[in-house]
Amino acid sequence: MSDERIPVRLLFADGGSFHELVVQLPAAAVARHERLIDALREDPEINGRLFVHPRRLVAAFREQAD
C-alpha cells in the first residue's frame, strides 16, 4: 500500500460563515472513486479517520502539490 497523500481543500458553511480546511488524503483511496465527494463519503480509509459533515460541506478541491 502506498503512503502517498494528496492535499484536498474542504469548504464548509456554518451559520452564514465559511471555513476552509486542507487535509491530506490517501491517494489510493481517492483514486478508487470517480468523484472526490464519493471518496469522502464512502471510502473507509478516509471516513474512518475523518468526519465530514455532509450538510455543511460546500465544496472539495484537490490542491496543487508543492
PDB file of N, CA and C in Angstrom:
ATOM      1  N   MET A   1       0.837  -1.179   0.000  1.00  0.00           N
ATOM      2  CA  MET A   1       0.000   0.000   0.000  1.00  0.00           C
ATOM      3  C   MET A   1       0.881   1.240   0.000  1.00  0.00           C
ATOM      4  N   SER A   2       0.567   2.169  -0.835  1.00  0.00           N
ATOM      5  CA  SER A   2       1.327   3.402  -0.961  1.00  0.00           C
ATOM      6  C   SER A   2       0.956   4.374   0.156  1.00  0.00           C
ATOM      7  N   ASP A   3       1.932   5.129   0.609  1.00  0.00           N
ATOM      8  CA  ASP A   3       1.683   6.145   1.627  1.00  0.00           C
ATOM      9  C   ASP A   3       1.497   7.521   1.005  1.00  0.00           C
ATOM     10  N   GLU A   4       1.390   7.579  -0.329  1.00  0.00           N
ATOM     11  CA  GLU A   4       1.236   8.870  -0.996  1.00  0.00           C
ATOM     12  C   GLU A   4      -0.070   9.529  -0.579  1.00  0.00           C
ATOM     13  N   ARG A   5       0.015  10.822  -0.328  1.00  0.00           N
ATOM     14  CA  ARG A   5      -1.158  11.594   0.082  1.00  0.00           C
ATOM     15  C   ARG A   5      -1.308  12.798  -0.833  1.00  0.00           C
ATOM     16  N   ILE A   6      -2.560  13.225  -1.004  1.00  0.00           N
ATOM     17  CA  ILE A   6      -2.822  14.403  -1.816  1.00  0.00           C
ATOM     18  C   ILE A   6      -3.548  15.433  -0.953  1.00  0.00           C
ATOM     19  N   PRO A   7      -3.222  16.705  -1.136  1.00  0.00           N
ATOM     20  CA  PRO A   7      -3.913  17.741  -0.370  1.00  0.00           C
ATOM     21  C   PRO A   7      -5.277  18.051  -0.987  1.00  0.00           C
ATOM     22  N   VAL A   8      -6.274  18.151  -0.122  1.00  0.00           N
ATOM     23  CA  VAL A   8      -7.638  18.465  -0.548  1.00  0.00           C
ATOM     24  C   VAL A   8      -8.151  19.601   0.334  1.00  0.00           C
ATOM     25  N   ARG A   9      -8.656  20.652  -0.305  1.00  0.00           N
ATOM     26  CA  ARG A   9      -9.228  21.789   0.421  1.00  0.00           C
ATOM     27  C   ARG A   9     -10.725  21.572   0.554  1.00  0.00           C
ATOM     28  N   LEU A  10     -11.210  21.605   1.793  1.00  0.00           N
ATOM     29  CA  LEU A  10     -12.625  21.456   2.081  1.00  0.00           C
ATOM     30  C   LEU A  10     -13.183  22.817   2.479  1.00  0.00           C
ATOM     31  N   LEU A  11     -14.343  23.166   1.958  1.00  0.00           N
ATOM     32  CA  LEU A  11     -15.005  24.425   2.281  1.00  0.00           C
ATOM     33  C   LEU A  11     -16.328  24.092   2.963  1.00  0.00           C
ATOM     34  N   PHE A  12     -16.504  24.627   4.170  1.00  0.00           N
ATOM     35  CA  PHE A  12     -17.702  24.382   4.965  1.00  0.00           C
ATOM     36  C   PHE A  12     -18.466  25.682   5.179  1.00  0.00           C
ATOM     37  N   ALA A  13     -19.791  25.585   5.242  1.00  0.00           N
ATOM     38  CA  ALA A  13     -20.652  26.707   5.604  1.00  0.00           C
ATOM     39  C   ALA A  13     -21.261  26.382   6.957  1.00  0.00           C
ATOM     40  N   ASP A  14     -21.237  27.367   7.854  1.00  0.00           N
ATOM     41  CA  ASP A  14     -21.770  27.151   9.193  1.00  0.00           C
ATOM     42  C   ASP A  14     -22.400  28.451   9.686  1.00  0.00           C
ATOM     43  N   GLY A  15     -23.707  28.517   9.666  1.00  0.00           N
ATOM     44  CA  GLY A  15     -24.409  29.692  10.164  1.00  0.00           C
ATOM     45  C   GLY A  15     -24.050  30.976   9.448  1.00  0.00           C
ATOM     46  N   GLY A  16     -23.874  30.925   8.148  1.00  0.00           N
ATOM     47  CA  GLY A  16     -23.534  32.116   7.371  1.00  0.00           C
ATOM     48  C   GLY A  16     -22.045  32.393   7.274  1.00  0.00           C
ATOM     49  N   SER A  17     -21.220  31.638   7.960  1.00  0.00           N
ATOM     50  CA  SER A  17     -19.760  31.781   7.872  1.00  0.00           C
ATOM     51  C   SER A  17     -19.192  30.628   7.049  1.00  0.00           C
ATOM     52  N   PHE A  18     -18.072  30.908   6.410  1.00  0.00           N
ATOM     53  CA  PHE A  18     -17.393  29.875   5.637  1.00  0.00           C
ATOM     54  C   PHE A  18     -16.041  29.582   6.269  1.00  0.00           C
ATOM     55  N   HIS A  19     -15.685  28.298   6.287  1.00  0.00           N
ATOM     56  CA  HIS A  19     -14.424  27.862   6.871  1.00  0.00           C
ATOM     57  C   HIS A  19     -13.738  26.918   5.899  1.00  0.00           C
ATOM     58  N   GLU A  20     -12.431  27.091   5.728  1.00  0.00           N
ATOM     59  CA  GLU A  20     -11.653  26.214   4.858  1.00  0.00           C
ATOM     60  C   GLU A  20     -10.718  25.368   5.708  1.00  0.00           C
ATOM     61  N   LEU A  21     -10.470  24.171   5.209  1.00  0.00           N
ATOM     62  CA  LEU A  21      -9.559  23.258   5.873  1.00  0.00           C
ATOM     63  C   LEU A  21      -8.862  22.444   4.790  1.00  0.00           C
ATOM     64  N   VAL A  22      -7.545  22.336   4.868  1.00  0.00           N
ATOM     65  CA  VAL A  22      -6.797  21.497   3.935  1.00  0.00           C
ATOM     66  C   VAL A  22      -6.414  20.221   4.668  1.00  0.00           C
ATOM     67  N   VAL A  23      -6.786  19.094   4.087  1.00  0.00           N
ATOM     68  CA  VAL A  23      -6.469  17.791   4.671  1.00  0.00           C
ATOM     69  C   VAL A  23      -5.625  17.001   3.679  1.00  0.00           C
ATOM     70  N   GLN A  24      -4.885  16.047   4.183  1.00  0.00           N
ATOM     71  CA  GLN A  24      -4.063  15.163   3.352  1.00  0.00           C
ATOM     72  C   GLN A  24      -4.771  13.810   3.287  1.00  0.00           C
ATOM     73  N   LEU A  25      -5.250  13.435   2.110  1.00  0.00           N
ATOM     74  CA  LEU A  25      -5.980  12.185   1.939  1.00  0.00           C
ATOM     75  C   LEU A  25      -5.127  11.154   1.215  1.00  0.00           C
ATOM     76  N   PRO A  26      -5.311   9.876   1.526  1.00  0.00           N
ATOM     77  CA  PRO A  26      -4.573   8.820   0.828  1.00  0.00           C
ATOM     78  C   PRO A  26      -4.907   8.823  -0.667  1.00  0.00           C
ATOM     79  N   ALA A  27      -3.899   8.921  -1.490  1.00  0.00           N
ATOM     80  CA  ALA A  27      -4.100   8.987  -2.940  1.00  0.00           C
ATOM     81  C   ALA A  27      -4.800   7.739  -3.466  1.00  0.00           C
ATOM     82  N   ALA A  28      -4.475   6.578  -2.931  1.00  0.00           N
ATOM     83  CA  ALA A  28      -5.091   5.331  -3.402  1.00  0.00           C
ATOM     84  C   ALA A  28      -6.589   5.318  -3.109  1.00  0.00           C
ATOM     85  N   ALA A  29      -6.984   5.845  -1.958  1.00  0.00           N
ATOM     86  CA  ALA A  29      -8.405   5.878  -1.600  1.00  0.00           C
ATOM     87  C   ALA A  29      -9.165   6.824  -2.517  1.00  0.00           C
ATOM     88  N   VAL A  30      -8.586   7.963  -2.819  1.00  0.00           N
ATOM     89  CA  VAL A  30      -9.238   8.922  -3.716  1.00  0.00           C
ATOM     90  C   VAL A  30      -9.343   8.330  -5.126  1.00  0.00           C
ATOM     91  N   ALA A  31      -8.324   7.620  -5.565  1.00  0.00           N
ATOM     92  CA  ALA A  31      -8.303   7.051  -6.914  1.00  0.00           C
ATOM     93  C   ALA A  31      -9.356   5.965  -7.107  1.00  0.00           C
ATOM     94  N   ARG A  32      -9.823   5.367  -6.036  1.00  0.00           N
ATOM     95  CA  ARG A  32     -10.841   4.307  -6.145  1.00  0.00           C
ATOM     96  C   ARG A  32     -12.228   4.846  -6.487  1.00  0.00           C
ATOM     97  N   HIS A  33     -12.382   6.156  -6.479  1.00  0.00           N
ATOM     98  CA  HIS A  33     -13.698   6.757  -6.701  1.00  0.00           C
ATOM     99  C   HIS A  33     -13.647   7.731  -7.866  1.00  0.00           C
ATOM    100  N   GLU A  34     -14.738   7.776  -8.608  1.00  0.00           N
ATOM    101  CA  GLU A  34     -14.818   8.685  -9.750  1.00  0.00           C
ATOM    102  C   GLU A  34     -14.894  10.136  -9.300  1.00  0.00           C
ATOM    103  N   ARG A  35     -15.600  10.377  -8.184  1.00  0.00           N
ATOM    104  CA  ARG A  35     -15.760  11.740  -7.677  1.00  0.00           C
ATOM    105  C   ARG A  35     -15.147  11.852  -6.279  1.00  0.00           C
ATOM    106  N   LEU A  36     -14.569  12.996  -6.005  1.00  0.00           N
ATOM    107  CA  LEU A  36     -13.941  13.251  -4.715  1.00  0.00           C
ATOM    108  C   LEU A  36     -14.968  13.159  -3.586  1.00  0.00           C
ATOM    109  N   ILE A  37     -16.157  13.648  -3.803  1.00  0.00           N
ATOM    110  CA  ILE A  37     -17.197  13.605  -2.773  1.00  0.00           C
ATOM    111  C   ILE A  37     -17.549  12.168  -2.403  1.00  0.00           C
ATOM    112  N   ASP A  38     -17.522  11.270  -3.363  1.00  0.00           N
ATOM    113  CA  ASP A  38     -17.790   9.858  -3.076  1.00  0.00           C
ATOM    114  C   ASP A  38     -16.703   9.271  -2.187  1.00  0.00           C
ATOM    115  N   ALA A  39     -15.471   9.636  -2.437  1.00  0.00           N
ATOM    116  CA  ALA A  39     -14.376   9.161  -1.593  1.00  0.00           C
ATOM    117  C   ALA A  39     -14.536   9.661  -0.165  1.00  0.00           C
ATOM    118  N   LEU A  40     -14.919  10.931  -0.012  1.00  0.00           N
ATOM    119  CA  LEU A  40     -15.113  11.496   1.326  1.00  0.00           C
ATOM    120  C   LEU A  40     -16.263  10.822   2.068  1.00  0.00           C
ATOM    121  N   ARG A  41     -17.305  10.468   1.358  1.00  0.00           N
ATOM    122  CA  ARG A  41     -18.487   9.877   1.991  1.00  0.00           C
ATOM    123  C   ARG A  41     -18.389   8.374   2.191  1.00  0.00           C
ATOM    124  N   GLU A  42     -17.727   7.664   1.253  1.00  0.00           N
ATOM    125  CA  GLU A  42     -17.862   6.212   1.219  1.00  0.00           C
ATOM    126  C   GLU A  42     -16.598   5.415   1.525  1.00  0.00           C
ATOM    127  N   ASP A  43     -15.432   5.972   1.338  1.00  0.00           N
ATOM    128  CA  ASP A  43     -14.224   5.166   1.479  1.00  0.00           C
ATOM    129  C   ASP A  43     -13.859   4.986   2.954  1.00  0.00           C
ATOM    130  N   PRO A  44     -13.771   3.746   3.417  1.00  0.00           N
ATOM    131  CA  PRO A  44     -13.467   3.506   4.833  1.00  0.00           C
ATOM    132  C   PRO A  44     -12.067   3.976   5.243  1.00  0.00           C
ATOM    133  N   GLU A  45     -11.147   4.025   4.304  1.00  0.00           N
ATOM    134  CA  GLU A  45      -9.801   4.504   4.622  1.00  0.00           C
ATOM    135  C   GLU A  45      -9.809   6.002   4.937  1.00  0.00           C
ATOM    136  N   ILE A  46     -10.764   6.725   4.364  1.00  0.00           N
ATOM    137  CA  ILE A  46     -10.893   8.164   4.608  1.00  0.00           C
ATOM    138  C   ILE A  46     -11.862   8.427   5.750  1.00  0.00           C
ATOM    139  N   ASN A  47     -13.095   7.936   5.635  1.00  0.00           N
ATOM    140  CA  ASN A  47     -14.089   8.294   6.644  1.00  0.00           C
ATOM    141  C   ASN A  47     -13.897   7.560   7.963  1.00  0.00           C
ATOM    142  N   GLY A  48     -12.974   6.622   8.022  1.00  0.00           N
ATOM    143  CA  GLY A  48     -12.614   6.004   9.286  1.00  0.00           C
ATOM    144  C   GLY A  48     -11.723   6.902  10.134  1.00  0.00           C
ATOM    145  N   ARG A  49     -11.129   7.918   9.500  1.00  0.00           N
ATOM    146  CA  ARG A  49     -10.221   8.832  10.203  1.00  0.00           C
ATOM    147  C   ARG A  49     -10.662  10.284  10.158  1.00  0.00           C
ATOM    148  N   LEU A  50     -11.603  10.606   9.286  1.00  0.00           N
ATOM    149  CA  LEU A  50     -12.004  11.990   9.070  1.00  0.00           C
ATOM    150  C   LEU A  50     -13.519  12.073   8.968  1.00  0.00           C
ATOM    151  N   PHE A  51     -14.149  12.877   9.818  1.00  0.00           N
ATOM    152  CA  PHE A  51     -15.590  13.081   9.721  1.00  0.00           C
ATOM    153  C   PHE A  51     -15.842  14.363   8.953  1.00  0.00           C
ATOM    154  N   VAL A  52     -16.650  14.265   7.915  1.00  0.00           N
ATOM    155  CA  VAL A  52     -17.046  15.429   7.122  1.00  0.00           C
ATOM    156  C   VAL A  52     -18.556  15.549   7.215  1.00  0.00           C
ATOM    157  N   HIS A  53     -19.021  16.647   7.806  1.00  0.00           N
ATOM    158  CA  HIS A  53     -20.460  16.860   7.951  1.00  0.00           C
ATOM    159  C   HIS A  53     -21.048  17.137   6.567  1.00  0.00           C
ATOM    160  N   PRO A  54     -21.870  16.231   6.037  1.00  0.00           N
ATOM    161  CA  PRO A  54     -22.332  16.364   4.646  1.00  0.00           C
ATOM    162  C   PRO A  54     -23.198  17.582   4.381  1.00  0.00           C
ATOM    163  N   ARG A  55     -23.943  18.053   5.366  1.00  0.00           N
ATOM    164  CA  ARG A  55     -24.813  19.215   5.145  1.00  0.00           C
ATOM    165  C   ARG A  55     -24.034  20.523   5.200  1.00  0.00           C
ATOM    166  N   ARG A  56     -22.864  20.517   5.801  1.00  0.00           N
ATOM    167  CA  ARG A  56     -22.063  21.738   5.894  1.00  0.00           C
ATOM    168  C   ARG A  56     -20.981  21.822   4.825  1.00  0.00           C
ATOM    169  N   LEU A  57     -20.667  20.706   4.198  1.00  0.00           N
ATOM    170  CA  LEU A  57     -19.646  20.706   3.146  1.00  0.00           C
ATOM    171  C   LEU A  57     -20.196  21.379   1.901  1.00  0.00           C
ATOM    172  N   VAL A  58     -19.547  22.445   1.471  1.00  0.00           N
ATOM    173  CA  VAL A  58     -19.970  23.192   0.290  1.00  0.00           C
ATOM    174  C   VAL A  58     -19.184  22.737  -0.928  1.00  0.00           C
ATOM    175  N   ALA A  59     -17.877  22.528  -0.761  1.00  0.00           N
ATOM    176  CA  ALA A  59     -17.019  22.166  -1.895  1.00  0.00           C
ATOM    177  C   ALA A  59     -15.770  21.453  -1.402  1.00  0.00           C
ATOM    178  N   ALA A  60     -15.199  20.657  -2.296  1.00  0.00           N
ATOM    179  CA  ALA A  60     -13.926  19.983  -2.036  1.00  0.00           C
ATOM    180  C   ALA A  60     -13.112  20.056  -3.325  1.00  0.00           C
ATOM    181  N   PHE A  61     -11.871  20.507  -3.194  1.00  0.00           N
ATOM    182  CA  PHE A  61     -10.991  20.682  -4.345  1.00  0.00           C
ATOM    183  C   PHE A  61      -9.647  20.047  -4.080  1.00  0.00           C
ATOM    184  N   ARG A  62      -9.086  19.431  -5.101  1.00  0.00           N
ATOM    185  CA  ARG A  62      -7.697  18.965  -4.997  1.00  0.00           C
ATOM    186  C   ARG A  62      -6.783  20.171  -5.105  1.00  0.00           C
ATOM    187  N   GLU A  63      -5.854  20.271  -4.189  1.00  0.00           N
ATOM    188  CA  GLU A  63      -4.881  21.356  -4.193  1.00  0.00           C
ATOM    189  C   GLU A  63      -3.679  20.956  -5.041  1.00  0.00           C
ATOM    190  N   GLN A  64      -2.953  21.944  -5.523  1.00  0.00           N
ATOM    191  CA  GLN A  64      -1.700  21.674  -6.214  1.00  0.00           C
ATOM    192  C   GLN A  64      -0.661  21.275  -5.193  1.00  0.00           C
ATOM    193  N   ALA A  65       0.025  20.183  -5.419  1.00  0.00           N
ATOM    194  CA  ALA A  65       1.086  19.737  -4.515  1.00  0.00           C
ATOM    195  C   ALA A  65       2.258  20.695  -4.629  1.00  0.00           C
ATOM    196  N   ASP A  66       2.917  20.963  -3.511  1.00  0.00           N
ATOM    197  CA  ASP A  66       4.068  21.874  -3.510  1.00  0.00           C
ATOM    198  C   ASP A  66       5.306  21.229  -4.089  1.00  0.00           C
TER     199      ASP A  66
END
